[in-house]
Amino acid sequence: MNQQEQMYTLAEQWRESGMPKSKFCREQHISLHQFNYWLKKFNKIAKAEQLKPEVSFFSVAENPSSDTKQSASKSIDRKMRIDLPGGITITIY
């Protein structure tokens, strides 16, 4: 385990312990300054992980409706409509 992994593990242990940082550092035999440095990095990464949007994929299939079909002599009008939460609709022509 490299130093970063060790310090991140200690950061998680400290959070779960409920101890003051100074007492935790004394018991772990690390300096408070060093622990604060790694804790700051740990918090930055944890915050970035929380802000990452969840990505989901969906498939799109052609579903012709009666209003988009034209007679055989005319071209078919194709469009895509996406209904989002909050009443937002996106239509692509």
PDB file of N, CA and C in Angstrom:
ATOM      1  N   MET A   1       0.866  -1.179   0.000  1.00  0.00           N
ATOM      2  CA  MET A   1       0.000   0.000   0.000  1.00  0.00           C
ATOM      3  C   MET A   1       0.908   1.237   0.000  1.00  0.00           C
ATOM      4  N   ASN A   2       0.669   2.140  -0.954  1.00  0.00           N
ATOM      5  CA  ASN A   2       1.498   3.348  -1.005  1.00  0.00           C
ATOM      6  C   ASN A   2       1.033   4.375   0.045  1.00  0.00           C
ATOM      7  N   GLN A   3       1.800   5.454   0.157  1.00  0.00           N
ATOM      8  CA  GLN A   3       1.519   6.442   1.210  1.00  0.00           C
ATOM      9  C   GLN A   3       0.139   7.074   1.041  1.00  0.00           C
ATOM     10  N   GLN A   4      -0.236   7.367  -0.200  1.00  0.00           N
ATOM     11  CA  GLN A   4      -1.553   7.977  -0.438  1.00  0.00           C
ATOM     12  C   GLN A   4      -2.669   7.046   0.034  1.00  0.00           C
ATOM     13  N   GLU A   5      -2.586   5.783  -0.309  1.00  0.00           N
ATOM     14  CA  GLU A   5      -3.615   4.831   0.118  1.00  0.00           C
ATOM     15  C   GLU A   5      -3.664   4.708   1.638  1.00  0.00           C
ATOM     16  N   GLN A   6      -2.486   4.723   2.261  1.00  0.00           N
ATOM     17  CA  GLN A   6      -2.422   4.642   3.726  1.00  0.00           C
ATOM     18  C   GLN A   6      -3.093   5.850   4.368  1.00  0.00           C
ATOM     19  N   MET A   7      -2.806   7.023   3.837  1.00  0.00           N
ATOM     20  CA  MET A   7      -3.372   8.241   4.428  1.00  0.00           C
ATOM     21  C   MET A   7      -4.875   8.340   4.179  1.00  0.00           C
ATOM     22  N   TYR A   8      -5.323   7.901   3.014  1.00  0.00           N
ATOM     23  CA  TYR A   8      -6.767   7.913   2.747  1.00  0.00           C
ATOM     24  C   TYR A   8      -7.484   6.924   3.663  1.00  0.00           C
ATOM     25  N   THR A   9      -6.844   5.793   3.927  1.00  0.00           N
ATOM     26  CA  THR A   9      -7.402   4.822   4.869  1.00  0.00           C
ATOM     27  C   THR A   9      -7.482   5.436   6.263  1.00  0.00           C
ATOM     28  N   LEU A  10      -6.423   6.151   6.654  1.00  0.00           N
ATOM     29  CA  LEU A  10      -6.432   6.823   7.965  1.00  0.00           C
ATOM     30  C   LEU A  10      -7.519   7.893   8.025  1.00  0.00           C
ATOM     31  N   ALA A  11      -7.715   8.618   6.926  1.00  0.00           N
ATOM     32  CA  ALA A  11      -8.761   9.654   6.892  1.00  0.00           C
ATOM     33  C   ALA A  11     -10.138   9.028   7.123  1.00  0.00           C
ATOM     34  N   GLU A  12     -10.381   7.895   6.478  1.00  0.00           N
ATOM     35  CA  GLU A  12     -11.657   7.208   6.675  1.00  0.00           C
ATOM     36  C   GLU A  12     -11.792   6.695   8.110  1.00  0.00           C
ATOM     37  N   GLN A  13     -10.700   6.158   8.662  1.00  0.00           N
ATOM     38  CA  GLN A  13     -10.724   5.671  10.040  1.00  0.00           C
ATOM     39  C   GLN A  13     -10.981   6.813  11.018  1.00  0.00           C
ATOM     40  N   TRP A  14     -10.352   7.962  10.765  1.00  0.00           N
ATOM     41  CA  TRP A  14     -10.557   9.116  11.651  1.00  0.00           C
ATOM     42  C   TRP A  14     -12.025   9.552  11.631  1.00  0.00           C
ATOM     43  N   ARG A  15     -12.608   9.620  10.424  1.00  0.00           N
ATOM     44  CA  ARG A  15     -14.023  10.030  10.323  1.00  0.00           C
ATOM     45  C   ARG A  15     -14.923   9.087  11.100  1.00  0.00           C
ATOM     46  N   GLU A  16     -14.660   7.802  10.991  1.00  0.00           N
ATOM     47  CA  GLU A  16     -15.496   6.807  11.673  1.00  0.00           C
ATOM     48  C   GLU A  16     -15.270   6.807  13.183  1.00  0.00           C
ATOM     49  N   SER A  17     -14.072   7.252  13.618  1.00  0.00           N
ATOM     50  CA  SER A  17     -13.741   7.199  15.044  1.00  0.00           C
ATOM     51  C   SER A  17     -14.464   8.260  15.864  1.00  0.00           C
ATOM     52  N   GLY A  18     -14.713   9.419  15.276  1.00  0.00           N
ATOM     53  CA  GLY A  18     -15.335  10.512  16.005  1.00  0.00           C
ATOM     54  C   GLY A  18     -14.363  11.236  16.943  1.00  0.00           C
ATOM     55  N   MET A  19     -13.090  10.877  16.893  1.00  0.00           N
ATOM     56  CA  MET A  19     -12.069  11.503  17.755  1.00  0.00           C
ATOM     57  C   MET A  19     -11.645  12.853  17.205  1.00  0.00           C
ATOM     58  N   PRO A  20     -11.132  13.713  18.075  1.00  0.00           N
ATOM     59  CA  PRO A  20     -10.484  14.930  17.584  1.00  0.00           C
ATOM     60  C   PRO A  20      -9.249  14.540  16.759  1.00  0.00           C
ATOM     61  N   LYS A  21      -8.936  15.342  15.748  1.00  0.00           N
ATOM     62  CA  LYS A  21      -7.794  15.032  14.886  1.00  0.00           C
ATOM     63  C   LYS A  21      -6.500  14.892  15.673  1.00  0.00           C
ATOM     64  N   SER A  22      -6.292  15.792  16.622  1.00  0.00           N
ATOM     65  CA  SER A  22      -5.021  15.770  17.365  1.00  0.00           C
ATOM     66  C   SER A  22      -4.837  14.448  18.120  1.00  0.00           C
ATOM     67  N   LYS A  23      -5.879  13.964  18.765  1.00  0.00           N
ATOM     68  CA  LYS A  23      -5.795  12.700  19.499  1.00  0.00           C
ATOM     69  C   LYS A  23      -5.581  11.534  18.537  1.00  0.00           C
ATOM     70  N   PHE A  24      -6.310  11.518  17.438  1.00  0.00           N
ATOM     71  CA  PHE A  24      -6.172  10.460  16.448  1.00  0.00           C
ATOM     72  C   PHE A  24      -4.741  10.419  15.905  1.00  0.00           C
ATOM     73  N   CYS A  25      -4.186  11.580  15.602  1.00  0.00           N
ATOM     74  CA  CYS A  25      -2.822  11.642  15.063  1.00  0.00           C
ATOM     75  C   CYS A  25      -1.797  11.140  16.077  1.00  0.00           C
ATOM     76  N   ARG A  26      -1.968  11.495  17.334  1.00  0.00           N
ATOM     77  CA  ARG A  26      -1.054  10.992  18.373  1.00  0.00           C
ATOM     78  C   ARG A  26      -1.104   9.471  18.435  1.00  0.00           C
ATOM     79  N   GLU A  27      -2.299   8.908  18.402  1.00  0.00           N
ATOM     80  CA  GLU A  27      -2.444   7.458  18.479  1.00  0.00           C
ATOM     81  C   GLU A  27      -1.890   6.747  17.242  1.00  0.00           C
ATOM     82  N   GLN A  28      -1.925   7.422  16.102  1.00  0.00           N
ATOM     83  CA  GLN A  28      -1.426   6.830  14.852  1.00  0.00           C
ATOM     84  C   GLN A  28       0.046   7.171  14.593  1.00  0.00           C
ATOM     85  N   HIS A  29       0.622   7.996  15.470  1.00  0.00           N
ATOM     86  CA  HIS A  29       2.030   8.409  15.358  1.00  0.00           C
ATOM     87  C   HIS A  29       2.323   9.134  14.045  1.00  0.00           C
ATOM     88  N   ILE A  30       1.418  10.061  13.688  1.00  0.00           N
ATOM     89  CA  ILE A  30       1.641  10.926  12.527  1.00  0.00           C
ATOM     90  C   ILE A  30       1.460  12.365  12.972  1.00  0.00           C
ATOM     91  N   SER A  31       2.105  13.279  12.247  1.00  0.00           N
ATOM     92  CA  SER A  31       1.973  14.687  12.622  1.00  0.00           C
ATOM     93  C   SER A  31       0.613  15.223  12.175  1.00  0.00           C
ATOM     94  N   LEU A  32       0.096  16.149  12.957  1.00  0.00           N
ATOM     95  CA  LEU A  32      -1.188  16.775  12.636  1.00  0.00           C
ATOM     96  C   LEU A  32      -1.095  17.514  11.302  1.00  0.00           C
ATOM     97  N   HIS A  33       0.044  18.166  11.072  1.00  0.00           N
ATOM     98  CA  HIS A  33       0.252  18.909   9.824  1.00  0.00           C
ATOM     99  C   HIS A  33       0.170  17.962   8.617  1.00  0.00           C
ATOM    100  N   GLN A  34       0.861  16.830   8.706  1.00  0.00           N
ATOM    101  CA  GLN A  34       0.849  15.860   7.618  1.00  0.00           C
ATOM    102  C   GLN A  34      -0.565  15.296   7.409  1.00  0.00           C
ATOM    103  N   PHE A  35      -1.256  15.018   8.494  1.00  0.00           N
ATOM    104  CA  PHE A  35      -2.613  14.484   8.395  1.00  0.00           C
ATOM    105  C   PHE A  35      -3.562  15.500   7.748  1.00  0.00           C
ATOM    106  N   ASN A  36      -3.434  16.767   8.133  1.00  0.00           N
ATOM    107  CA  ASN A  36      -4.276  17.814   7.532  1.00  0.00           C
ATOM    108  C   ASN A  36      -4.028  17.933   6.034  1.00  0.00           C
ATOM    109  N   TYR A  37      -2.753  17.798   5.629  1.00  0.00           N
ATOM    110  CA  TYR A  37      -2.405  17.858   4.206  1.00  0.00           C
ATOM    111  C   TYR A  37      -3.137  16.743   3.443  1.00  0.00           C
ATOM    112  N   TRP A  38      -3.051  15.519   3.927  1.00  0.00           N
ATOM    113  CA  TRP A  38      -3.688  14.391   3.261  1.00  0.00           C
ATOM    114  C   TRP A  38      -5.205  14.445   3.379  1.00  0.00           C
ATOM    115  N   LEU A  39      -5.701  14.939   4.486  1.00  0.00           N
ATOM    116  CA  LEU A  39      -7.145  15.062   4.663  1.00  0.00           C
ATOM    117  C   LEU A  39      -7.731  16.050   3.657  1.00  0.00           C
ATOM    118  N   LYS A  40      -6.998  17.122   3.402  1.00  0.00           N
ATOM    119  CA  LYS A  40      -7.444  18.114   2.413  1.00  0.00           C
ATOM    120  C   LYS A  40      -7.527  17.471   1.026  1.00  0.00           C
ATOM    121  N   LYS A  41      -6.512  16.697   0.649  1.00  0.00           N
ATOM    122  CA  LYS A  41      -6.519  15.998  -0.637  1.00  0.00           C
ATOM    123  C   LYS A  41      -7.651  14.975  -0.688  1.00  0.00           C
ATOM    124  N   PHE A  42      -7.833  14.248   0.402  1.00  0.00           N
ATOM    125  CA  PHE A  42      -8.888  13.242   0.485  1.00  0.00           C
ATOM    126  C   PHE A  42     -10.261  13.888   0.309  1.00  0.00           C
ATOM    127  N   ASN A  43     -10.493  15.008   0.993  1.00  0.00           N
ATOM    128  CA  ASN A  43     -11.784  15.705   0.896  1.00  0.00           C
ATOM    129  C   ASN A  43     -12.032  16.225  -0.513  1.00  0.00           C
ATOM    130  N   LYS A  44     -10.985  16.698  -1.173  1.00  0.00           N
ATOM    131  CA  LYS A  44     -11.128  17.216  -2.534  1.00  0.00           C
ATOM    132  C   LYS A  44     -11.555  16.090  -3.484  1.00  0.00           C
ATOM    133  N   ILE A  45     -10.941  14.931  -3.342  1.00  0.00           N
ATOM    134  CA  ILE A  45     -11.295  13.792  -4.189  1.00  0.00           C
ATOM    135  C   ILE A  45     -12.697  13.301  -3.870  1.00  0.00           C
ATOM    136  N   ALA A  46     -13.037  13.238  -2.587  1.00  0.00           N
ATOM    137  CA  ALA A  46     -14.371  12.787  -2.180  1.00  0.00           C
ATOM    138  C   ALA A  46     -15.444  13.727  -2.726  1.00  0.00           C
ATOM    139  N   LYS A  47     -15.175  15.018  -2.699  1.00  0.00           N
ATOM    140  CA  LYS A  47     -16.142  15.992  -3.213  1.00  0.00           C
ATOM    141  C   LYS A  47     -16.298  15.842  -4.724  1.00  0.00           C
ATOM    142  N   ALA A  48     -15.184  15.632  -5.420  1.00  0.00           N
ATOM    143  CA  ALA A  48     -15.248  15.454  -6.873  1.00  0.00           C
ATOM    144  C   ALA A  48     -16.052  14.203  -7.230  1.00  0.00           C
ATOM    145  N   GLU A  49     -15.914  13.151  -6.439  1.00  0.00           N
ATOM    146  CA  GLU A  49     -16.673  11.922  -6.678  1.00  0.00           C
ATOM    147  C   GLU A  49     -18.167  12.157  -6.516  1.00  0.00           C
ATOM    148  N   GLN A  50     -18.549  12.996  -5.559  1.00  0.00           N
ATOM    149  CA  GLN A  50     -19.959  13.281  -5.318  1.00  0.00           C
ATOM    150  C   GLN A  50     -20.555  14.111  -6.443  1.00  0.00           C
ATOM    151  N   LEU A  51     -19.736  14.953  -7.080  1.00  0.00           N
ATOM    152  CA  LEU A  51     -20.233  15.843  -8.113  1.00  0.00           C
ATOM    153  C   LEU A  51     -20.324  15.182  -9.484  1.00  0.00           C
ATOM    154  N   LYS A  52     -19.729  14.010  -9.634  1.00  0.00           N
ATOM    155  CA  LYS A  52     -19.780  13.340 -10.927  1.00  0.00           C
ATOM    156  C   LYS A  52     -21.217  12.939 -11.226  1.00  0.00           C
ATOM    157  N   PRO A  53     -21.713  13.361 -12.388  1.00  0.00           N
ATOM    158  CA  PRO A  53     -23.079  12.966 -12.718  1.00  0.00           C
ATOM    159  C   PRO A  53     -23.129  11.491 -13.079  1.00  0.00           C
ATOM    160  N   GLU A  54     -24.244  10.881 -12.766  1.00  0.00           N
ATOM    161  CA  GLU A  54     -24.430   9.502 -13.170  1.00  0.00           C
ATOM    162  C   GLU A  54     -24.731   9.492 -14.662  1.00  0.00           C
ATOM    163  N   VAL A  55     -24.090   8.610 -15.353  1.00  0.00           N
ATOM    164  CA  VAL A  55     -24.285   8.506 -16.789  1.00  0.00           C
ATOM    165  C   VAL A  55     -25.144   7.289 -17.055  1.00  0.00           C
ATOM    166  N   SER A  56     -26.146   7.484 -17.842  1.00  0.00           N
ATOM    167  CA  SER A  56     -26.972   6.353 -18.234  1.00  0.00           C
ATOM    168  C   SER A  56     -27.204   6.432 -19.735  1.00  0.00           C
ATOM    169  N   PHE A  57     -27.375   5.285 -20.329  1.00  0.00           N
ATOM    170  CA  PHE A  57     -27.585   5.212 -21.753  1.00  0.00           C
ATOM    171  C   PHE A  57     -28.968   4.635 -22.018  1.00  0.00           C
ATOM    172  N   PHE A  58     -29.493   4.975 -23.143  1.00  0.00           N
ATOM    173  CA  PHE A  58     -30.774   4.429 -23.530  1.00  0.00           C
ATOM    174  C   PHE A  58     -30.753   4.215 -25.026  1.00  0.00           C
ATOM    175  N   SER A  59     -31.567   3.318 -25.480  1.00  0.00           N
ATOM    176  CA  SER A  59     -31.625   3.058 -26.914  1.00  0.00           C
ATOM    177  C   SER A  59     -32.787   3.831 -27.518  1.00  0.00           C
ATOM    178  N   VAL A  60     -32.631   4.163 -28.767  1.00  0.00           N
ATOM    179  CA  VAL A  60     -33.664   4.885 -29.495  1.00  0.00           C
ATOM    180  C   VAL A  60     -34.097   4.006 -30.652  1.00  0.00           C
ATOM    181  N   ALA A  61     -35.373   3.785 -30.751  1.00  0.00           N
ATOM    182  CA  ALA A  61     -35.902   2.975 -31.849  1.00  0.00           C
ATOM    183  C   ALA A  61     -36.909   3.808 -32.626  1.00  0.00           C
ATOM    184  N   GLU A  62     -36.980   3.552 -33.891  1.00  0.00           N
ATOM    185  CA  GLU A  62     -37.927   4.271 -34.724  1.00  0.00           C
ATOM    186  C   GLU A  62     -39.324   3.764 -34.425  1.00  0.00           C
ATOM    187  N   ASN A  63     -40.211   4.700 -34.128  1.00  0.00           N
ATOM    188  CA  ASN A  63     -41.597   4.350 -33.820  1.00  0.00           C
ATOM    189  C   ASN A  63     -42.483   5.252 -34.662  1.00  0.00           C
ATOM    190  N   PRO A  64     -42.763   4.861 -35.881  1.00  0.00           N
ATOM    191  CA  PRO A  64     -43.539   5.748 -36.745  1.00  0.00           C
ATOM    192  C   PRO A  64     -44.962   5.926 -36.224  1.00  0.00           C
ATOM    193  N   SER A  65     -45.391   7.151 -36.203  1.00  0.00           N
ATOM    194  CA  SER A  65     -46.770   7.428 -35.793  1.00  0.00           C
ATOM    195  C   SER A  65     -47.564   7.838 -37.029  1.00  0.00           C
ATOM    196  N   SER A  66     -48.857   7.816 -36.925  1.00  0.00           N
ATOM    197  CA  SER A  66     -49.707   8.073 -38.085  1.00  0.00           C
ATOM    198  C   SER A  66     -49.552   9.502 -38.608  1.00  0.00           C
ATOM    199  N   ASP A  67     -49.191  10.440 -37.743  1.00  0.00           N
ATOM    200  CA  ASP A  67     -49.107  11.830 -38.205  1.00  0.00           C
ATOM    201  C   ASP A  67     -47.796  12.117 -38.937  1.00  0.00           C
ATOM    202  N   THR A  68     -46.780  11.275 -38.829  1.00  0.00           N
ATOM    203  CA  THR A  68     -45.517  11.542 -39.520  1.00  0.00           C
ATOM    204  C   THR A  68     -45.419  10.804 -40.840  1.00  0.00           C
ATOM    205  N   LYS A  69     -46.309   9.839 -41.097  1.00  0.00           N
ATOM    206  CA  LYS A  69     -46.265   9.113 -42.371  1.00  0.00           C
ATOM    207  C   LYS A  69     -46.956   9.956 -43.443  1.00  0.00           C
ATOM    208  N   GLN A  70     -46.331   9.963 -44.561  1.00  0.00           N
ATOM    209  CA  GLN A  70     -46.877  10.682 -45.709  1.00  0.00           C
ATOM    210  C   GLN A  70     -47.294   9.637 -46.747  1.00  0.00           C
ATOM    211  N   SER A  71     -47.903  10.095 -47.758  1.00  0.00           N
ATOM    212  CA  SER A  71     -48.260   9.180 -48.844  1.00  0.00           C
ATOM    213  C   SER A  71     -46.982   8.703 -49.532  1.00  0.00           C
ATOM    214  N   ALA A  72     -47.073   7.679 -50.333  1.00  0.00           N
ATOM    215  CA  ALA A  72     -45.906   7.084 -50.985  1.00  0.00           C
ATOM    216  C   ALA A  72     -45.177   8.079 -51.873  1.00  0.00           C
ATOM    217  N   SER A  73     -45.860   9.063 -52.397  1.00  0.00           N
ATOM    218  CA  SER A  73     -45.224  10.017 -53.300  1.00  0.00           C
ATOM    219  C   SER A  73     -44.440  11.098 -52.554  1.00  0.00           C
ATOM    220  N   LYS A  74     -44.664  11.252 -51.250  1.00  0.00           N
ATOM    221  CA  LYS A  74     -43.987  12.279 -50.473  1.00  0.00           C
ATOM    222  C   LYS A  74     -42.961  11.622 -49.548  1.00  0.00           C
ATOM    223  N   SER A  75     -41.964  12.368 -49.136  1.00  0.00           N
ATOM    224  CA  SER A  75     -40.953  11.818 -48.228  1.00  0.00           C
ATOM    225  C   SER A  75     -41.519  11.721 -46.806  1.00  0.00           C
ATOM    226  N   ILE A  76     -40.933  10.852 -46.011  1.00  0.00           N
ATOM    227  CA  ILE A  76     -41.373  10.666 -44.631  1.00  0.00           C
ATOM    228  C   ILE A  76     -40.716  11.733 -43.762  1.00  0.00           C
ATOM    229  N   ASP A  77     -41.509  12.424 -42.966  1.00  0.00           N
ATOM    230  CA  ASP A  77     -41.011  13.444 -42.038  1.00  0.00           C
ATOM    231  C   ASP A  77     -40.465  12.736 -40.804  1.00  0.00           C
ATOM    232  N   ARG A  78     -39.191  12.838 -40.557  1.00  0.00           N
ATOM    233  CA  ARG A  78     -38.586  12.170 -39.416  1.00  0.00           C
ATOM    234  C   ARG A  78     -38.199  13.215 -38.365  1.00  0.00           C
ATOM    235  N   LYS A  79     -38.516  12.919 -37.128  1.00  0.00           N
ATOM    236  CA  LYS A  79     -38.124  13.786 -36.025  1.00  0.00           C
ATOM    237  C   LYS A  79     -38.008  12.962 -34.761  1.00  0.00           C
ATOM    238  N   MET A  80     -37.289  13.490 -33.804  1.00  0.00           N
ATOM    239  CA  MET A  80     -37.130  12.823 -32.520  1.00  0.00           C
ATOM    240  C   MET A  80     -37.610  13.778 -31.443  1.00  0.00           C
ATOM    241  N   ARG A  81     -38.382  13.246 -30.521  1.00  0.00           N
ATOM    242  CA  ARG A  81     -38.885  14.062 -29.416  1.00  0.00           C
ATOM    243  C   ARG A  81     -38.423  13.427 -28.111  1.00  0.00           C
ATOM    244  N   ILE A  82     -37.825  14.243 -27.264  1.00  0.00           N
ATOM    245  CA  ILE A  82     -37.352  13.788 -25.965  1.00  0.00           C
ATOM    246  C   ILE A  82     -38.093  14.572 -24.897  1.00  0.00           C
ATOM    247  N   ASP A  83     -38.818  13.869 -24.043  1.00  0.00           N
ATOM    248  CA  ASP A  83     -39.553  14.505 -22.949  1.00  0.00           C
ATOM    249  C   ASP A  83     -38.738  14.334 -21.674  1.00  0.00           C
ATOM    250  N   LEU A  84     -38.369  15.442 -21.058  1.00  0.00           N
ATOM    251  CA  LEU A  84     -37.575  15.439 -19.842  1.00  0.00           C
ATOM    252  C   LEU A  84     -38.439  15.797 -18.640  1.00  0.00           C
ATOM    253  N   PRO A  85     -37.964  15.476 -17.450  1.00  0.00           N
ATOM    254  CA  PRO A  85     -38.708  15.881 -16.245  1.00  0.00           C
ATOM    255  C   PRO A  85     -38.874  17.402 -16.191  1.00  0.00           C
ATOM    256  N   GLY A  86     -39.912  17.841 -15.557  1.00  0.00           N
ATOM    257  CA  GLY A  86     -40.153  19.277 -15.442  1.00  0.00           C
ATOM    258  C   GLY A  86     -40.867  19.872 -16.639  1.00  0.00           C
ATOM    259  N   GLY A  87     -41.385  19.016 -17.523  1.00  0.00           N
ATOM    260  CA  GLY A  87     -42.128  19.517 -18.678  1.00  0.00           C
ATOM    261  C   GLY A  87     -41.274  20.006 -19.822  1.00  0.00           C
ATOM    262  N   ILE A  88     -39.994  19.695 -19.826  1.00  0.00           N
ATOM    263  CA  ILE A  88     -39.099  20.123 -20.908  1.00  0.00           C
ATOM    264  C   ILE A  88     -39.161  19.106 -22.037  1.00  0.00           C
ATOM    265  N   THR A  89     -39.361  19.614 -23.240  1.00  0.00           N
ATOM    266  CA  THR A  89     -39.407  18.761 -24.421  1.00  0.00           C
ATOM    267  C   THR A  89     -38.377  19.242 -25.416  1.00  0.00           C
ATOM    268  N   ILE A  90     -37.592  18.293 -25.951  1.00  0.00           N
ATOM    269  CA  ILE A  90     -36.614  18.609 -26.990  1.00  0.00           C
ATOM    270  C   ILE A  90     -37.059  17.879 -28.242  1.00  0.00           C
ATOM    271  N   THR A  91     -37.216  18.625 -29.327  1.00  0.00           N
ATOM    272  CA  THR A  91     -37.607  18.029 -30.594  1.00  0.00           C
ATOM    273  C   THR A  91     -36.492  18.266 -31.600  1.00  0.00           C
ATOM    274  N   ILE A  92     -36.031  17.181 -32.222  1.00  0.00           N
ATOM    275  CA  ILE A  92     -34.973  17.272 -33.238  1.00  0.00           C
ATOM    276  C   ILE A  92     -35.598  16.924 -34.567  1.00  0.00           C
ATOM    277  N   TYR A  93     -35.493  17.844 -35.516  1.00  0.00           N
ATOM    278  CA  TYR A  93     -36.066  17.652 -36.854  1.00  0.00           C
ATOM    279  C   TYR A  93     -35.015  17.203 -37.826  1.00  0.00           C
TER     280      TYR A  93
END
